[in-house]
Amino acid sequence: QVQLVESGGGLVQAGGSLRLSCAASGRTFSTAAMGWFRQAPGKERDFVAAISRNGGVTYYADSVKGRFTISKNNAKNTVYLQMNNLKPEDTAVYYCAAKGYSGGSIYYTEQYEYDYWGQGTQVTVSS
């Protein structure tokens, strides 16, 4: 069982930066591949970024590539999403997700592939 708690959201001007954190409880974090998704008002939840269990492989949605960086610290049971050069269209609730007992270098981009979800943190980017 893994419980996830996101933090680090807030209000920022366009061009600014935020770092989201997702703290996980449970001993299976080191075996979990992780992902970030987001849901804008009136829209479906979309994939943002993913990282493999060992942290060695990452993958990004085209809309955030080059601006966002996902990382994983197994010693701290935490996954991060560093968001730079934020745009108003990045405004959304951001969710982290965990895929338990994943292969070392595998990442996942589909919501149904994840087993555990956090409750989300709001990111608002003003123009």
Foldseek 3Di string as FASTA:
>chain_A
DKAKAKDWADEEAAQAKIKMKIAIDDPQLLQKKKFKWWDDPPGDIFGAKIAFSQQPDIDGDPVQPPFWDWGADSVRRMIMIIGGRDDQVVWTWMKMFIQTRDDGGDIDGDPVNTDYIYPTDTHGYHD
